[in-house]
Amino acid sequence: MSFAWALPHLRIMGAPSLVLDNDGLAREYERTSANRQLESGRHLVEQMGLVRGDSVLDIGCGTGLLAEHIADIVGPEGQVIGIDPLPLRIEIAREKIRPNLRFEVGDAYELEGLRDQTFDAVVMNAVFHWLPEKTQPLLEAARVLRPGGRIGISTQLKEHQSRLKEIVAKVLSEPPYDRYPRGRPQMTFSVDAEEMRAFFEMTGFLPAIIYARDLTRTHPSAEAAIRFAEASTFGNLLGHLPPELKGRARVTIRQRLQAAVTADGIVQHSQRLVAVANRK
């Protein structure tokens, strides 16, 4: 499988870098996503109605927590393949051993080596908002799905801005950090419900359910919130800054975020877009 995000025809200004990840970030993601991305993924899987014996492709599987959960659902009669473009996260995923579970380095734009119509379901949890161009990944998902197969997507809802994101944006707009702007202000490429429906319909899917889900997440401290943001953005939060400014920006963000700490820690309210569709 290849790193299609790096291909010239898909290179988009502001697209996330895939070379900023490190072992510390990958391990932090494994630890903290267990009660964040995994919880959203479990909800998505419930909406998809996966059953014993299903063959499932988990695109953007990260460290494999959700794929491991799905492997338990489909049982020994089923199979789960997880792919992710970040090799360090796949290394961690491969520590999860199940006879019906395997992981490969690869990405959504070019599902090389996967035959047409071989899966009952495709899952994309916390990954769709990272994809600059949406139609090719959906076309690839449609190709590997059997007719009537399901795709499930849980992703950031467009226009939502957390307190941490607001603070990061404000700090990065100030000197000296403003001399090193990102290619685009937002790191992600989020969609709303109507855009999600349109993407499904233009790529061979029949939308079944599309809705926004309210979430409340808590970080015990400002430092914990920043560590999670760094891990979940695989180093892209401040990765565009020169090394000598990165630590300085981080300290400033932590100081400003400290004002949002309550007795319960940092409480963040957000919405996720949950979407399930069937291949025509």
Protein backbone atom coordinates (compact mmCIF):
# COMPACT_ATOMS: atom_id res chain seq x y z
CA MET A 1 0.00 0.00 0.00
CA SER A 2 1.24 3.49 -0.77
CA PHE A 3 1.18 6.92 0.84
CA ALA A 4 -1.21 8.52 -1.62
CA TRP A 5 -1.52 11.71 0.46
CA ALA A 6 1.98 12.52 -0.77
CA LEU A 7 1.19 12.11 -4.47
CA PRO A 8 1.46 15.37 -6.44
CA HIS A 9 -2.13 15.35 -7.69
CA LEU A 10 -3.41 15.14 -4.11
CA ARG A 11 -1.00 17.63 -2.55
CA ILE A 12 -3.21 20.37 -1.12
CA MET A 13 -1.98 23.47 0.66
CA GLY A 14 -2.43 22.98 4.40
CA ALA A 15 -2.86 19.20 4.21
CA PRO A 16 -1.55 17.51 7.37
CA SER A 17 2.01 16.25 7.38
CA LEU A 18 2.55 12.53 7.84
CA VAL A 19 6.19 12.84 8.92
CA LEU A 20 5.81 14.65 12.26
CA ASP A 21 4.68 11.65 14.27
CA ASN A 22 7.01 10.03 16.81
CA ASP A 23 6.88 7.13 19.23
CA GLY A 24 5.93 9.35 22.16
CA LEU A 25 2.96 10.85 20.30
CA ALA A 26 1.84 7.42 19.09
CA ARG A 27 1.99 5.96 22.63
CA GLU A 28 0.17 8.99 24.04
CA TYR A 29 -2.55 8.54 21.43
CA GLU A 30 -2.92 4.86 22.34
CA ARG A 31 -3.36 5.83 26.00
CA THR A 32 -5.67 8.84 25.70
CA SER A 33 -7.84 7.79 22.77
CA ALA A 34 -9.13 4.80 24.75
CA ASN A 35 -11.86 6.98 26.30
CA ARG A 36 -12.20 9.44 23.43
CA GLN A 37 -11.88 8.27 19.81
CA LEU A 38 -12.59 4.69 20.84
CA GLU A 39 -15.84 5.70 22.53
CA SER A 40 -16.98 7.51 19.36
CA GLY A 41 -15.95 4.51 17.30
CA ARG A 42 -17.90 2.09 19.46
CA HIS A 43 -21.01 4.27 19.03
CA LEU A 44 -20.48 4.31 15.26
CA VAL A 45 -20.12 0.55 15.11
CA GLU A 46 -23.39 0.16 17.03
CA GLN A 47 -25.15 2.30 14.42
CA MET A 48 -23.70 0.17 11.63
CA GLY A 49 -25.09 -3.06 13.06
CA LEU A 50 -22.00 -5.19 12.51
CA VAL A 51 -22.60 -8.88 13.16
CA ARG A 52 -20.64 -12.08 13.64
CA GLY A 53 -18.97 -13.20 10.43
CA ASP A 54 -18.66 -9.73 8.86
CA SER A 55 -15.52 -8.77 6.98
CA VAL A 56 -14.54 -5.20 7.96
CA LEU A 57 -11.98 -2.66 6.75
CA ASP A 58 -10.99 0.00 9.30
CA ILE A 59 -9.49 2.94 7.37
CA GLY A 60 -7.34 5.24 9.49
CA CYS A 61 -7.22 2.70 12.30
CA GLY A 62 -4.56 4.51 14.35
CA THR A 63 -3.21 2.23 17.07
CA GLY A 64 -5.93 -0.35 16.45
CA LEU A 65 -8.19 0.01 19.50
CA LEU A 66 -11.43 0.15 17.49
CA ALA A 67 -10.30 -2.58 15.09
CA GLU A 68 -9.64 -4.81 18.10
CA HIS A 69 -13.16 -4.09 19.39
CA ILE A 70 -14.64 -4.90 15.96
CA ALA A 71 -12.67 -8.15 15.80
CA ASP A 72 -14.41 -9.27 18.99
CA ILE A 73 -17.81 -8.43 17.46
CA VAL A 74 -17.32 -10.29 14.16
CA GLY A 75 -15.75 -13.29 15.89
CA PRO A 76 -13.53 -15.99 14.38
CA GLU A 77 -15.86 -16.34 11.40
CA GLY A 78 -15.21 -12.71 10.45
CA GLN A 79 -12.09 -10.70 9.70
CA VAL A 80 -10.85 -7.15 10.30
CA ILE A 81 -8.11 -5.32 8.44
CA GLY A 82 -6.89 -1.98 9.78
CA ILE A 83 -4.86 0.44 7.68
CA ASP A 84 -3.19 3.72 8.61
CA PRO A 85 -0.54 5.89 6.91
CA LEU A 86 1.42 6.35 10.16
CA PRO A 87 3.90 3.44 10.56
CA LEU A 88 4.54 4.04 14.28
CA ARG A 89 0.83 3.68 15.03
CA ILE A 90 0.64 0.50 12.98
CA GLU A 91 3.55 -0.89 15.03
CA ILE A 92 1.49 -0.38 18.18
CA ALA A 93 -1.61 -1.80 16.52
CA ARG A 94 0.26 -5.00 15.67
CA GLU A 95 0.74 -5.62 19.38
CA LYS A 96 -2.97 -6.46 19.44
CA ILE A 97 -3.06 -10.10 18.45
CA ARG A 98 -6.24 -11.73 17.21
CA PRO A 99 -6.46 -14.54 14.64
CA ASN A 100 -9.06 -12.52 12.71
CA LEU A 101 -7.21 -9.17 12.87
CA ARG A 102 -4.30 -7.71 10.92
CA PHE A 103 -2.85 -4.28 10.26
CA GLU A 104 -1.07 -2.71 7.28
CA VAL A 105 0.49 0.66 6.48
CA GLY A 106 -1.64 2.34 3.84
CA ASP A 107 -4.16 5.10 3.35
CA ALA A 108 -7.62 5.93 2.15
CA TYR A 109 -6.79 7.22 -1.30
CA GLU A 110 -5.37 4.04 -2.78
CA LEU A 111 -6.42 0.73 -1.22
CA GLU A 112 -3.77 -1.18 -3.12
CA GLY A 113 -3.88 -4.93 -2.71
CA LEU A 114 -7.53 -5.06 -1.60
CA ARG A 115 -9.76 -6.76 -4.13
CA ASP A 116 -13.10 -5.45 -5.36
CA GLN A 117 -16.22 -6.37 -3.36
CA THR A 118 -14.45 -8.19 -0.51
CA PHE A 119 -15.79 -6.38 2.59
CA ASP A 120 -19.17 -6.20 4.28
CA ALA A 121 -18.34 -2.92 6.01
CA VAL A 122 -15.86 -0.05 5.94
CA VAL A 123 -15.28 2.05 9.06
CA MET A 124 -13.73 5.54 9.12
CA ASN A 125 -13.58 6.83 12.68
CA ALA A 126 -11.89 10.19 13.42
CA VAL A 127 -10.23 10.20 10.00
CA PHE A 128 -12.58 11.76 7.40
CA HIS A 129 -11.83 15.32 8.55
CA TRP A 130 -8.12 14.73 7.87
CA LEU A 131 -8.73 13.95 4.19
CA PRO A 132 -8.34 17.04 1.99
CA GLU A 133 -10.14 15.46 -0.97
CA LYS A 134 -13.19 13.35 -0.09
CA THR A 135 -14.44 11.60 -3.23
CA GLN A 136 -11.47 9.31 -3.98
CA PRO A 137 -11.49 7.67 -0.50
CA LEU A 138 -15.24 7.09 -0.80
CA LEU A 139 -14.88 5.66 -4.30
CA GLU A 140 -12.17 3.32 -3.03
CA ALA A 141 -14.43 2.28 -0.15
CA ALA A 142 -17.27 1.60 -2.59
CA ARG A 143 -14.92 -0.49 -4.74
CA VAL A 144 -13.90 -2.85 -1.94
CA LEU A 145 -17.42 -3.15 -0.50
CA ARG A 146 -19.86 -5.80 -1.60
CA PRO A 147 -23.18 -4.51 -3.04
CA GLY A 148 -25.31 -3.49 -0.07
CA GLY A 149 -22.24 -3.22 2.16
CA ARG A 150 -22.11 -0.43 4.76
CA ILE A 151 -19.78 2.46 5.33
CA GLY A 152 -19.73 4.22 8.69
CA ILE A 153 -18.08 7.60 9.31
CA SER A 154 -17.66 9.47 12.59
CA THR A 155 -15.96 12.82 12.06
CA GLN A 156 -15.62 16.41 13.20
CA LEU A 157 -18.66 18.54 12.45
CA LYS A 158 -17.93 21.61 10.34
CA GLU A 159 -17.76 24.99 12.10
CA HIS A 160 -17.18 23.54 15.56
CA GLN A 161 -14.34 25.26 17.42
CA SER A 162 -13.19 24.06 20.84
CA ARG A 163 -11.68 26.39 23.45
CA LEU A 164 -8.26 24.84 22.85
CA LYS A 165 -8.51 25.42 19.10
CA GLU A 166 -9.51 29.04 19.69
CA ILE A 167 -6.52 29.61 21.96
CA VAL A 168 -4.09 27.90 19.57
CA ALA A 169 -5.39 29.99 16.65
CA LYS A 170 -5.06 33.22 18.67
CA VAL A 171 -1.51 32.44 19.82
CA LEU A 172 -0.38 31.47 16.32
CA SER A 173 -1.78 34.75 14.94
CA GLU A 174 0.55 36.75 17.20
CA PRO A 175 4.26 37.61 16.78
CA PRO A 176 6.60 35.87 16.35
CA TYR A 177 4.50 32.85 15.34
CA ASP A 178 2.54 34.76 12.69
CA ARG A 179 5.70 34.82 10.58
CA TYR A 180 5.25 31.06 10.05
CA PRO A 181 1.62 30.58 9.00
CA ARG A 182 0.15 27.20 8.18
CA GLY A 183 -0.86 26.65 4.57
CA ARG A 184 -4.45 27.19 5.74
CA PRO A 185 -5.78 28.31 9.14
CA GLN A 186 -7.55 25.04 9.93
CA MET A 187 -5.68 21.74 10.11
CA THR A 188 -8.74 19.68 9.23
CA PHE A 189 -11.22 19.52 6.34
CA SER A 190 -14.56 19.05 8.09
CA VAL A 191 -18.00 18.72 6.51
CA ASP A 192 -21.58 19.29 7.60
CA ALA A 193 -24.52 16.90 7.26
CA GLU A 194 -25.64 18.13 3.83
CA GLU A 195 -22.12 17.94 2.43
CA MET A 196 -21.76 14.42 3.82
CA ARG A 197 -25.00 13.39 2.13
CA ALA A 198 -23.84 14.86 -1.17
CA PHE A 199 -20.48 13.06 -0.98
CA PHE A 200 -22.26 9.76 -0.36
CA GLU A 201 -24.66 10.23 -3.25
CA MET A 202 -21.96 11.18 -5.76
CA THR A 203 -19.78 8.16 -4.91
CA GLY A 204 -22.31 5.33 -5.12
CA PHE A 205 -23.81 5.23 -1.62
CA LEU A 206 -27.35 5.46 -0.30
CA PRO A 207 -27.34 7.47 2.94
CA ALA A 208 -29.06 5.67 5.81
CA ILE A 209 -28.42 7.88 8.85
CA ILE A 210 -26.65 11.22 9.21
CA TYR A 211 -26.82 13.17 12.46
CA ALA A 212 -24.83 15.32 14.87
CA ARG A 213 -23.99 13.80 18.23
CA ASP A 214 -23.27 15.94 21.28
CA LEU A 215 -20.16 15.00 23.25
CA THR A 216 -18.60 16.23 26.47
CA ARG A 217 -14.96 15.39 27.08
CA THR A 218 -12.78 16.27 30.07
CA HIS A 219 -9.03 16.70 30.38
CA PRO A 220 -7.57 16.73 33.91
CA SER A 221 -5.29 19.68 33.17
CA ALA A 222 -4.14 22.16 30.52
CA GLU A 223 -1.03 20.06 29.95
CA ALA A 224 -3.13 16.92 29.39
CA ALA A 225 -5.33 18.75 26.88
CA ILE A 226 -2.29 19.91 24.90
CA ARG A 227 -0.69 16.44 24.97
CA PHE A 228 -3.88 14.93 23.59
CA ALA A 229 -4.10 17.59 20.87
CA GLU A 230 -0.50 16.95 19.85
CA ALA A 231 -1.02 13.18 19.76
CA SER A 232 -4.35 13.26 17.93
CA THR A 233 -2.94 15.64 15.28
CA PHE A 234 0.12 13.38 14.89
CA GLY A 235 2.45 16.30 15.52
CA ASN A 236 0.66 18.86 13.36
CA LEU A 237 -0.61 21.10 16.18
CA LEU A 238 2.63 23.15 16.23
CA GLY A 239 4.62 21.14 13.72
CA HIS A 240 4.82 23.99 11.20
CA LEU A 241 6.81 26.19 13.60
CA PRO A 242 10.63 26.25 13.74
CA PRO A 243 11.97 24.08 16.59
CA GLU A 244 13.15 27.11 18.57
CA LEU A 245 9.59 28.53 18.68
CA LYS A 246 7.64 25.35 19.23
CA GLY A 247 8.30 25.07 22.97
CA ARG A 248 7.67 28.76 23.50
CA ALA A 249 4.29 28.59 21.75
CA ARG A 250 3.37 25.53 23.77
CA VAL A 251 4.05 27.32 27.06
CA THR A 252 1.93 30.30 25.99
CA ILE A 253 -0.96 28.05 24.98
CA ARG A 254 -0.79 26.17 28.27
CA GLN A 255 -0.81 29.41 30.28
CA ARG A 256 -3.88 30.74 28.48
CA LEU A 257 -5.68 27.42 28.60
CA GLN A 258 -5.11 27.33 32.36
CA ALA A 259 -7.90 29.90 32.71
CA ALA A 260 -10.37 27.31 31.43
CA VAL A 261 -9.52 24.76 34.13
CA THR A 262 -12.42 24.02 36.49
CA ALA A 263 -12.77 21.72 39.47
CA ASP A 264 -13.48 18.96 36.93
CA GLY A 265 -10.53 19.88 34.74
CA ILE A 266 -10.94 21.25 31.23
CA VAL A 267 -14.44 20.41 30.01
CA GLN A 268 -14.95 20.55 26.26
CA HIS A 269 -18.33 20.32 24.56
CA SER A 270 -18.34 19.28 20.95
CA GLN A 271 -20.36 17.60 18.22
CA ARG A 272 -19.46 14.69 15.98
CA LEU A 273 -21.07 13.93 12.67
CA VAL A 274 -22.19 10.29 12.51
CA ALA A 275 -23.02 8.95 9.06
CA VAL A 276 -23.85 5.47 7.76
CA ALA A 277 -24.62 4.59 4.14
CA ASN A 278 -25.08 1.50 2.00
CA ARG A 279 -23.26 0.76 -1.23
CA LYS A 280 -25.63 0.66 -4.18
